[in-house]
C-alpha atoms as a PDB file:
ATOM      1  CA  UNK A   1      18.903 -62.864 -65.617  1.00  0.00           C
ATOM      2  CA  UNK A   2      21.453 -65.619 -66.757  1.00  0.00           C
ATOM      3  CA  UNK A   3      25.302 -65.342 -66.402  1.00  0.00           C
ATOM      4  CA  UNK A   4      25.824 -63.616 -69.578  1.00  0.00           C
ATOM      5  CA  UNK A   5      23.213 -61.004 -69.096  1.00  0.00           C
ATOM      6  CA  UNK A   6      24.435 -60.523 -65.284  1.00  0.00           C
ATOM      7  CA  UNK A   7      27.881 -59.886 -66.826  1.00  0.00           C
ATOM      8  CA  UNK A   8      26.692 -57.489 -69.413  1.00  0.00           C
ATOM      9  CA  UNK A   9      24.866 -55.518 -66.726  1.00  0.00           C
ATOM     10  CA  UNK A  10      27.647 -55.375 -64.691  1.00  0.00           C
ATOM     11  CA  UNK A  11      30.217 -54.112 -67.787  1.00  0.00           C
ATOM     12  CA  UNK A  12      27.253 -51.672 -68.560  1.00  0.00           C
ATOM     13  CA  UNK A  13      27.598 -50.171 -65.065  1.00  0.00           C
ATOM     14  CA  UNK A  14      31.159 -49.930 -65.453  1.00  0.00           C
ATOM     15  CA  UNK A  15      31.109 -48.010 -68.565  1.00  0.00           C
ATOM     16  CA  UNK A  16      28.461 -45.832 -67.052  1.00  0.00           C
ATOM     17  CA  UNK A  17      30.588 -45.207 -64.147  1.00  0.00           C
ATOM     18  CA  UNK A  18      33.493 -44.188 -66.237  1.00  0.00           C
ATOM     19  CA  UNK A  19      31.809 -41.966 -68.711  1.00  0.00           C
ATOM     20  CA  UNK A  20      29.931 -40.172 -65.849  1.00  0.00           C
ATOM     21  CA  UNK A  21      33.469 -39.362 -64.066  1.00  0.00           C
ATOM     22  CA  UNK A  22      34.856 -38.163 -67.021  1.00  0.00           C
ATOM     23  CA  UNK A  23      31.885 -36.351 -68.835  1.00  0.00           C
ATOM     24  CA  UNK A  24      28.441 -37.601 -67.953  1.00  0.00           C
ATOM     25  CA  UNK A  25      25.712 -39.393 -69.881  1.00  0.00           C
ATOM     26  CA  UNK A  26      26.904 -43.016 -68.768  1.00  0.00           C
ATOM     27  CA  UNK A  27      23.170 -43.961 -68.207  1.00  0.00           C
ATOM     28  CA  UNK A  28      22.963 -44.102 -72.056  1.00  0.00           C
ATOM     29  CA  UNK A  29      25.007 -47.396 -71.771  1.00  0.00           C
ATOM     30  CA  UNK A  30      23.305 -48.710 -68.600  1.00  0.00           C
ATOM     31  CA  UNK A  31      19.785 -47.893 -68.933  1.00  0.00           C
ATOM     32  CA  UNK A  32      19.265 -49.603 -72.575  1.00  0.00           C
ATOM     33  CA  UNK A  33      21.262 -52.567 -71.331  1.00  0.00           C
ATOM     34  CA  UNK A  34      18.842 -52.946 -68.748  1.00  0.00           C
ATOM     35  CA  UNK A  35      15.962 -52.669 -71.454  1.00  0.00           C
ATOM     36  CA  UNK A  36      17.846 -55.313 -73.692  1.00  0.00           C
ATOM     37  CA  UNK A  37      17.756 -57.988 -70.593  1.00  0.00           C
ATOM     38  CA  UNK A  38      13.982 -57.782 -69.986  1.00  0.00           C
ATOM     39  CA  UNK A  39      13.361 -54.889 -67.398  1.00  0.00           C
ATOM     40  CA  UNK A  40      10.249 -52.779 -68.008  1.00  0.00           C
ATOM     41  CA  UNK A  41      11.241 -48.789 -68.738  1.00  0.00           C
ATOM     42  CA  UNK A  42      10.416 -47.283 -65.582  1.00  0.00           C
ATOM     43  CA  UNK A  43      11.814 -50.471 -63.224  1.00  0.00           C
ATOM     44  CA  UNK A  44      14.940 -50.111 -65.601  1.00  0.00           C
ATOM     45  CA  UNK A  45      15.222 -46.360 -64.901  1.00  0.00           C
ATOM     46  CA  UNK A  46      15.063 -46.569 -61.324  1.00  0.00           C
ATOM     47  CA  UNK A  47      17.201 -49.391 -60.758  1.00  0.00           C
ATOM     48  CA  UNK A  48      19.767 -47.760 -63.101  1.00  0.00           C
ATOM     49  CA  UNK A  49      19.625 -44.644 -61.065  1.00  0.00           C
ATOM     50  CA  UNK A  50      19.998 -46.266 -57.594  1.00  0.00           C
ATOM     51  CA  UNK A  51      22.700 -48.524 -59.121  1.00  0.00           C
ATOM     52  CA  UNK A  52      24.811 -45.739 -60.080  1.00  0.00           C
ATOM     53  CA  UNK A  53      24.935 -43.737 -56.783  1.00  0.00           C
ATOM     54  CA  UNK A  54      27.968 -46.070 -55.310  1.00  0.00           C
ATOM     55  CA  UNK A  55      29.891 -45.092 -58.708  1.00  0.00           C
ATOM     56  CA  UNK A  56      29.099 -41.112 -58.132  1.00  0.00           C
ATOM     57  CA  UNK A  57      30.637 -41.389 -54.689  1.00  0.00           C
ATOM     58  CA  UNK A  58      33.504 -43.087 -56.209  1.00  0.00           C
ATOM     59  CA  UNK A  59      33.998 -40.628 -58.817  1.00  0.00           C
ATOM     60  CA  UNK A  60      33.658 -37.747 -56.500  1.00  0.00           C
ATOM     61  CA  UNK A  61      36.206 -39.348 -54.099  1.00  0.00           C
ATOM     62  CA  UNK A  62      38.619 -39.836 -57.269  1.00  0.00           C
ATOM     63  CA  UNK A  63      38.647 -36.178 -57.790  1.00  0.00           C
ATOM     64  CA  UNK A  64      39.108 -35.067 -54.063  1.00  0.00           C
ATOM     65  CA  UNK A  65      42.062 -32.935 -55.107  1.00  0.00           C
ATOM     66  CA  UNK A  66      40.180 -31.304 -57.474  1.00  0.00           C
ATOM     67  CA  UNK A  67      37.477 -30.506 -54.879  1.00  0.00           C
ATOM     68  CA  UNK A  68      39.600 -28.941 -52.372  1.00  0.00           C
ATOM     69  CA  UNK A  69      38.361 -25.261 -51.582  1.00  0.00           C
ATOM     70  CA  UNK A  70      35.076 -26.012 -53.276  1.00  0.00           C
ATOM     71  CA  UNK A  71      33.080 -26.876 -50.033  1.00  0.00           C
ATOM     72  CA  UNK A  72      30.981 -24.037 -49.983  1.00  0.00           C
ATOM     73  CA  UNK A  73      29.997 -23.865 -53.586  1.00  0.00           C
ATOM     74  CA  UNK A  74      29.340 -27.742 -53.459  1.00  0.00           C
ATOM     75  CA  UNK A  75      26.837 -27.040 -50.701  1.00  0.00           C
ATOM     76  CA  UNK A  76      25.231 -24.474 -52.002  1.00  0.00           C
ATOM     77  CA  UNK A  77      24.740 -25.867 -55.483  1.00  0.00           C
ATOM     78  CA  UNK A  78      23.895 -29.226 -54.111  1.00  0.00           C
ATOM     79  CA  UNK A  79      20.568 -27.840 -52.236  1.00  0.00           C
ATOM     80  CA  UNK A  80      19.383 -26.991 -55.850  1.00  0.00           C
ATOM     81  CA  UNK A  81      20.366 -30.248 -57.280  1.00  0.00           C
ATOM     82  CA  UNK A  82      18.944 -32.188 -54.676  1.00  0.00           C
ATOM     83  CA  UNK A  83      15.563 -30.366 -54.595  1.00  0.00           C
ATOM     84  CA  UNK A  84      15.582 -30.663 -58.258  1.00  0.00           C
ATOM     85  CA  UNK A  85      16.242 -34.490 -58.088  1.00  0.00           C
ATOM     86  CA  UNK A  86      13.436 -34.965 -55.715  1.00  0.00           C
ATOM     87  CA  UNK A  87      10.994 -33.237 -57.994  1.00  0.00           C
ATOM     88  CA  UNK A  88      12.114 -35.169 -61.039  1.00  0.00           C
ATOM     89  CA  UNK A  89      11.848 -38.152 -59.458  1.00  0.00           C
ATOM     90  CA  UNK A  90       8.261 -37.267 -58.326  1.00  0.00           C
ATOM     91  CA  UNK A  91       7.547 -36.292 -61.962  1.00  0.00           C
ATOM     92  CA  UNK A  92       8.584 -39.848 -63.021  1.00  0.00           C
ATOM     93  CA  UNK A  93       6.397 -41.841 -60.714  1.00  0.00           C
ATOM     94  CA  UNK A  94       3.433 -39.693 -61.102  1.00  0.00           C
ATOM     95  CA  UNK A  95       3.413 -38.331 -64.653  1.00  0.00           C
ATOM     96  CA  UNK A  96       3.234 -39.147 -68.225  1.00  0.00           C
ATOM     97  CA  UNK A  97       6.541 -38.812 -69.923  1.00  0.00           C
ATOM     98  CA  UNK A  98       5.638 -37.430 -73.334  1.00  0.00           C
ATOM     99  CA  UNK A  99       5.972 -33.699 -72.687  1.00  0.00           C
ATOM    100  CA  UNK A 100       8.916 -33.880 -70.435  1.00  0.00           C
ATOM    101  CA  UNK A 101      10.640 -36.253 -72.758  1.00  0.00           C
ATOM    102  CA  UNK A 102      10.064 -33.486 -75.704  1.00  0.00           C
ATOM    103  CA  UNK A 103      12.051 -30.873 -74.193  1.00  0.00           C
ATOM    104  CA  UNK A 104      14.973 -33.224 -73.260  1.00  0.00           C
ATOM    105  CA  UNK A 105      16.949 -32.939 -76.441  1.00  0.00           C
ATOM    106  CA  UNK A 106      16.283 -29.211 -76.474  1.00  0.00           C
ATOM    107  CA  UNK A 107      18.260 -28.877 -72.927  1.00  0.00           C
ATOM    108  CA  UNK A 108      21.000 -31.154 -74.271  1.00  0.00           C
ATOM    109  CA  UNK A 109      21.598 -29.294 -77.492  1.00  0.00           C
ATOM    110  CA  UNK A 110      21.670 -25.941 -75.124  1.00  0.00           C
ATOM    111  CA  UNK A 111      24.379 -27.577 -72.899  1.00  0.00           C
ATOM    112  CA  UNK A 112      26.159 -28.335 -75.959  1.00  0.00           C
ATOM    113  CA  UNK A 113      26.063 -24.738 -77.160  1.00  0.00           C
ATOM    114  CA  UNK A 114      27.080 -23.270 -73.692  1.00  0.00           C
ATOM    115  CA  UNK A 115      30.215 -25.590 -73.564  1.00  0.00           C
ATOM    116  CA  UNK A 116      31.105 -24.960 -77.063  1.00  0.00           C
ATOM    117  CA  UNK A 117      31.055 -21.266 -76.530  1.00  0.00           C
ATOM    118  CA  UNK A 118      32.358 -21.573 -72.881  1.00  0.00           C
ATOM    119  CA  UNK A 119      35.681 -19.638 -72.972  1.00  0.00           C
ATOM    120  CA  UNK A 120      33.971 -16.628 -74.847  1.00  0.00           C
ATOM    121  CA  UNK A 121      30.853 -16.812 -72.207  1.00  0.00           C
ATOM    122  CA  UNK A 122      33.009 -17.336 -69.107  1.00  0.00           C
ATOM    123  CA  UNK A 123      34.954 -13.864 -70.117  1.00  0.00           C
ATOM    124  CA  UNK A 124      31.820 -12.147 -70.684  1.00  0.00           C
ATOM    125  CA  UNK A 125      30.326 -13.274 -67.336  1.00  0.00           C
ATOM    126  CA  UNK A 126      33.401 -12.412 -65.581  1.00  0.00           C
ATOM    127  CA  UNK A 127      33.640  -9.014 -67.118  1.00  0.00           C
ATOM    128  CA  UNK A 128      30.384  -7.903 -65.805  1.00  0.00           C
ATOM    129  CA  UNK A 129      30.267  -9.642 -62.360  1.00  0.00           C
ATOM    130  CA  UNK A 130      31.115  -7.244 -59.743  1.00  0.00           C
ATOM    131  CA  UNK A 131      34.441  -7.647 -57.836  1.00  0.00           C
ATOM    132  CA  UNK A 132      32.892  -8.838 -54.584  1.00  0.00           C
ATOM    133  CA  UNK A 133      30.395 -11.053 -56.073  1.00  0.00           C
ATOM    134  CA  UNK A 134      29.879 -14.383 -54.564  1.00  0.00           C
ATOM    135  CA  UNK A 135      30.838 -17.381 -56.766  1.00  0.00           C
ATOM    136  CA  UNK A 136      27.353 -18.867 -56.849  1.00  0.00           C
ATOM    137  CA  UNK A 137      24.545 -16.909 -58.278  1.00  0.00           C
ATOM    138  CA  UNK A 138      20.834 -17.296 -58.863  1.00  0.00           C
ATOM    139  CA  UNK A 139      21.755 -18.233 -62.575  1.00  0.00           C
ATOM    140  CA  UNK A 140      23.867 -21.415 -61.662  1.00  0.00           C
ATOM    141  CA  UNK A 141      21.397 -22.082 -58.771  1.00  0.00           C
ATOM    142  CA  UNK A 142      18.438 -22.258 -61.291  1.00  0.00           C
ATOM    143  CA  UNK A 143      20.166 -24.179 -63.782  1.00  0.00           C
ATOM    144  CA  UNK A 144      21.244 -26.633 -61.106  1.00  0.00           C
ATOM    145  CA  UNK A 145      17.638 -27.041 -59.993  1.00  0.00           C
ATOM    146  CA  UNK A 146      16.558 -27.675 -63.609  1.00  0.00           C
ATOM    147  CA  UNK A 147      19.376 -30.082 -64.008  1.00  0.00           C
ATOM    148  CA  UNK A 148      18.201 -31.925 -61.114  1.00  0.00           C
ATOM    149  CA  UNK A 149      14.789 -32.142 -62.229  1.00  0.00           C
ATOM    150  CA  UNK A 150      16.160 -33.952 -65.346  1.00  0.00           C
ATOM    151  CA  UNK A 151      18.383 -36.092 -63.522  1.00  0.00           C
ATOM    152  CA  UNK A 152      15.872 -37.333 -61.302  1.00  0.00           C
ATOM    153  CA  UNK A 153      13.397 -37.923 -64.091  1.00  0.00           C
ATOM    154  CA  UNK A 154      15.957 -39.710 -66.681  1.00  0.00           C
ATOM    155  CA  UNK A 155      19.687 -38.394 -66.096  1.00  0.00           C
ATOM    156  CA  UNK A 156      21.294 -38.851 -69.284  1.00  0.00           C
ATOM    157  CA  UNK A 157      23.331 -36.028 -70.114  1.00  0.00           C
ATOM    158  CA  UNK A 158      22.503 -34.508 -66.781  1.00  0.00           C
ATOM    159  CA  UNK A 159      26.335 -34.283 -66.357  1.00  0.00           C
ATOM    160  CA  UNK A 160      26.883 -32.218 -69.721  1.00  0.00           C
ATOM    161  CA  UNK A 161      24.206 -29.717 -68.513  1.00  0.00           C
ATOM    162  CA  UNK A 162      25.825 -29.313 -65.230  1.00  0.00           C
ATOM    163  CA  UNK A 163      29.417 -28.853 -66.679  1.00  0.00           C
ATOM    164  CA  UNK A 164      28.268 -26.565 -69.260  1.00  0.00           C
ATOM    165  CA  UNK A 165      26.428 -24.157 -66.362  1.00  0.00           C
ATOM    166  CA  UNK A 166      29.712 -24.313 -64.093  1.00  0.00           C
ATOM    167  CA  UNK A 167      32.159 -23.797 -66.849  1.00  0.00           C
ATOM    168  CA  UNK A 168      30.096 -20.628 -67.876  1.00  0.00           C
ATOM    169  CA  UNK A 169      28.716 -19.399 -64.563  1.00  0.00           C
ATOM    170  CA  UNK A 170      30.968 -20.427 -61.871  1.00  0.00           C
ATOM    171  CA  UNK A 171      34.634 -19.820 -63.625  1.00  0.00           C
ATOM    172  CA  UNK A 172      37.285 -22.326 -62.524  1.00  0.00           C
ATOM    173  CA  UNK A 173      39.618 -24.705 -64.006  1.00  0.00           C
ATOM    174  CA  UNK A 174      37.467 -27.271 -66.092  1.00  0.00           C
ATOM    175  CA  UNK A 175      38.909 -30.182 -64.372  1.00  0.00           C
ATOM    176  CA  UNK A 176      37.642 -28.686 -60.952  1.00  0.00           C
ATOM    177  CA  UNK A 177      34.334 -27.964 -62.340  1.00  0.00           C
ATOM    178  CA  UNK A 178      33.943 -31.689 -63.668  1.00  0.00           C
ATOM    179  CA  UNK A 179      35.014 -32.924 -60.059  1.00  0.00           C
ATOM    180  CA  UNK A 180      32.134 -30.619 -58.688  1.00  0.00           C
ATOM    181  CA  UNK A 181      29.706 -31.764 -61.440  1.00  0.00           C
ATOM    182  CA  UNK A 182      30.196 -35.372 -60.080  1.00  0.00           C
ATOM    183  CA  UNK A 183      29.125 -34.075 -56.632  1.00  0.00           C
ATOM    184  CA  UNK A 184      26.300 -32.566 -58.114  1.00  0.00           C
ATOM    185  CA  UNK A 185      24.908 -35.516 -59.956  1.00  0.00           C
ATOM    186  CA  UNK A 186      25.449 -37.834 -57.369  1.00  0.00           C
ATOM    187  CA  UNK A 187      23.428 -35.464 -54.997  1.00  0.00           C
ATOM    188  CA  UNK A 188      20.674 -35.742 -57.548  1.00  0.00           C
ATOM    189  CA  UNK A 189      20.868 -39.571 -57.926  1.00  0.00           C
ATOM    190  CA  UNK A 190      20.940 -39.890 -54.271  1.00  0.00           C
ATOM    191  CA  UNK A 191      17.862 -38.077 -53.367  1.00  0.00           C
ATOM    192  CA  UNK A 192      15.910 -39.582 -56.321  1.00  0.00           C
ATOM    193  CA  UNK A 193      17.211 -43.230 -55.098  1.00  0.00           C
ATOM    194  CA  UNK A 194      15.775 -42.607 -51.703  1.00  0.00           C
ATOM    195  CA  UNK A 195      12.414 -41.573 -53.085  1.00  0.00           C
ATOM    196  CA  UNK A 196      12.694 -44.684 -55.563  1.00  0.00           C
ATOM    197  CA  UNK A 197      13.447 -47.135 -52.963  1.00  0.00           C
ATOM    198  CA  UNK A 198      10.197 -46.165 -51.058  1.00  0.00           C
ATOM    199  CA  UNK A 199       7.790 -45.882 -53.710  1.00  0.00           C
ATOM    200  CA  UNK A 200       8.996 -47.425 -57.043  1.00  0.00           C
ATOM    201  CA  UNK A 201       9.501 -51.182 -58.141  1.00  0.00           C
ATOM    202  CA  UNK A 202      13.097 -51.843 -57.939  1.00  0.00           C
ATOM    203  CA  UNK A 203      15.147 -54.557 -59.443  1.00  0.00           C
ATOM    204  CA  UNK A 204      17.549 -54.984 -56.736  1.00  0.00           C
ATOM    205  CA  UNK A 205      19.566 -57.740 -58.549  1.00  0.00           C
ATOM    206  CA  UNK A 206      20.214 -55.299 -61.273  1.00  0.00           C
ATOM    207  CA  UNK A 207      20.887 -52.423 -58.741  1.00  0.00           C
ATOM    208  CA  UNK A 208      23.895 -54.728 -57.041  1.00  0.00           C
ATOM    209  CA  UNK A 209      25.313 -55.475 -60.555  1.00  0.00           C
ATOM    210  CA  UNK A 210      25.346 -51.986 -61.887  1.00  0.00           C
ATOM    211  CA  UNK A 211      26.683 -50.609 -58.367  1.00  0.00           C
ATOM    212  CA  UNK A 212      29.484 -52.909 -58.475  1.00  0.00           C
ATOM    213  CA  UNK A 213      30.407 -52.083 -62.180  1.00  0.00           C
ATOM    214  CA  UNK A 214      30.041 -48.552 -61.743  1.00  0.00           C
ATOM    215  CA  UNK A 215      32.268 -48.166 -58.618  1.00  0.00           C
ATOM    216  CA  UNK A 216      35.162 -49.624 -60.506  1.00  0.00           C
ATOM    217  CA  UNK A 217      34.461 -47.622 -63.827  1.00  0.00           C
ATOM    218  CA  UNK A 218      34.208 -44.368 -61.761  1.00  0.00           C
ATOM    219  CA  UNK A 219      37.482 -44.623 -60.138  1.00  0.00           C
ATOM    220  CA  UNK A 220      39.284 -45.705 -63.362  1.00  0.00           C
ATOM    221  CA  UNK A 221      37.210 -42.464 -65.037  1.00  0.00           C
ATOM    222  CA  UNK A 222      38.215 -40.286 -62.475  1.00  0.00           C
ATOM    223  CA  UNK A 223      42.156 -41.061 -62.912  1.00  0.00           C
ATOM    224  CA  UNK A 224      41.444 -40.661 -66.716  1.00  0.00           C
ATOM    225  CA  UNK A 225      39.319 -37.456 -66.473  1.00  0.00           C
ATOM    226  CA  UNK A 226      41.636 -35.443 -64.428  1.00  0.00           C
ATOM    227  CA  UNK A 227      44.480 -35.755 -66.790  1.00  0.00           C
ATOM    228  CA  UNK A 228      42.648 -34.628 -69.871  1.00  0.00           C
ATOM    229  CA  UNK A 229      43.480 -31.129 -71.068  1.00  0.00           C
ATOM    230  CA  UNK A 230      40.583 -28.648 -70.586  1.00  0.00           C
ATOM    231  CA  UNK A 231      40.387 -28.275 -74.409  1.00  0.00           C
ATOM    232  CA  UNK A 232      40.243 -31.801 -74.930  1.00  0.00           C
ATOM    233  CA  UNK A 233      37.427 -32.423 -72.224  1.00  0.00           C
ATOM    234  CA  UNK A 234      35.399 -29.519 -73.774  1.00  0.00           C
ATOM    235  CA  UNK A 235      35.391 -31.320 -77.179  1.00  0.00           C
ATOM    236  CA  UNK A 236      34.534 -34.359 -75.810  1.00  0.00           C
ATOM    237  CA  UNK A 237      31.582 -32.822 -74.173  1.00  0.00           C
ATOM    238  CA  UNK A 238      30.323 -31.370 -77.176  1.00  0.00           C
ATOM    239  CA  UNK A 239      30.732 -34.290 -79.381  1.00  0.00           C
ATOM    240  CA  UNK A 240      28.957 -36.729 -76.777  1.00  0.00           C
ATOM    241  CA  UNK A 241      26.202 -34.166 -76.291  1.00  0.00           C
ATOM    242  CA  UNK A 242      25.614 -33.797 -79.937  1.00  0.00           C
ATOM    243  CA  UNK A 243      25.473 -37.724 -80.016  1.00  0.00           C
ATOM    244  CA  UNK A 244      23.010 -37.868 -77.147  1.00  0.00           C
ATOM    245  CA  UNK A 245      20.771 -35.386 -78.512  1.00  0.00           C
ATOM    246  CA  UNK A 246      20.686 -36.778 -81.844  1.00  0.00           C
ATOM    247  CA  UNK A 247      19.839 -40.333 -80.196  1.00  0.00           C
ATOM    248  CA  UNK A 248      17.023 -38.773 -78.105  1.00  0.00           C
ATOM    249  CA  UNK A 249      15.531 -36.895 -80.962  1.00  0.00           C
ATOM    250  CA  UNK A 250      15.593 -40.370 -83.016  1.00  0.00           C
ATOM    251  CA  UNK A 251      14.063 -42.616 -80.376  1.00  0.00           C
END
């Protein structure tokens, strides 16, 4: 990797970290960049995953005020997300990708529909929840697990899936949901990164460049994301999700 390629990879890491902090799907910047500079797909995927972990930590720290009071739900959902991330990482290393790849656009489009209908669905869910219901039930746990499987396998748009799930099934201010989304996505990437470090071929130079860029990008992204009104954030998620799904369908 020459100097210009290294700068491109670092810049891609910065863009990915920022987008992940605000919405999700930053891997659609960093992963293709690694392919463009010559890495094999699986090596690019696992290296990208590991490199984005520090950015996830940076993004979660940037949203620390929005995470206040969410410790219990974060711990509960992180178990499901982390378990799913481990399963997804194992699938990446052991199974052919054709079948799994076929359902990825469907998952993303479903998340887009959930996010677009979030206010109405959240009211519907709230009206039918018992007054003493816990704020994390089986539905968000199941979706967090499925999103974790997807995130451990590929990762792009797992943030959209998680944010849509939280917005509908764990009613709260959307910016607080976005902060929790960063914790769960970081958990998925962290668990998968441990697996990849032990059992996959990793391009550590690429990891280092993406890590540096993603930390800076996530810190900046958190500053922007916490100031975006909920309606604007929801619109951005829907637009980006449609774009992600179309790109995955056409590749």
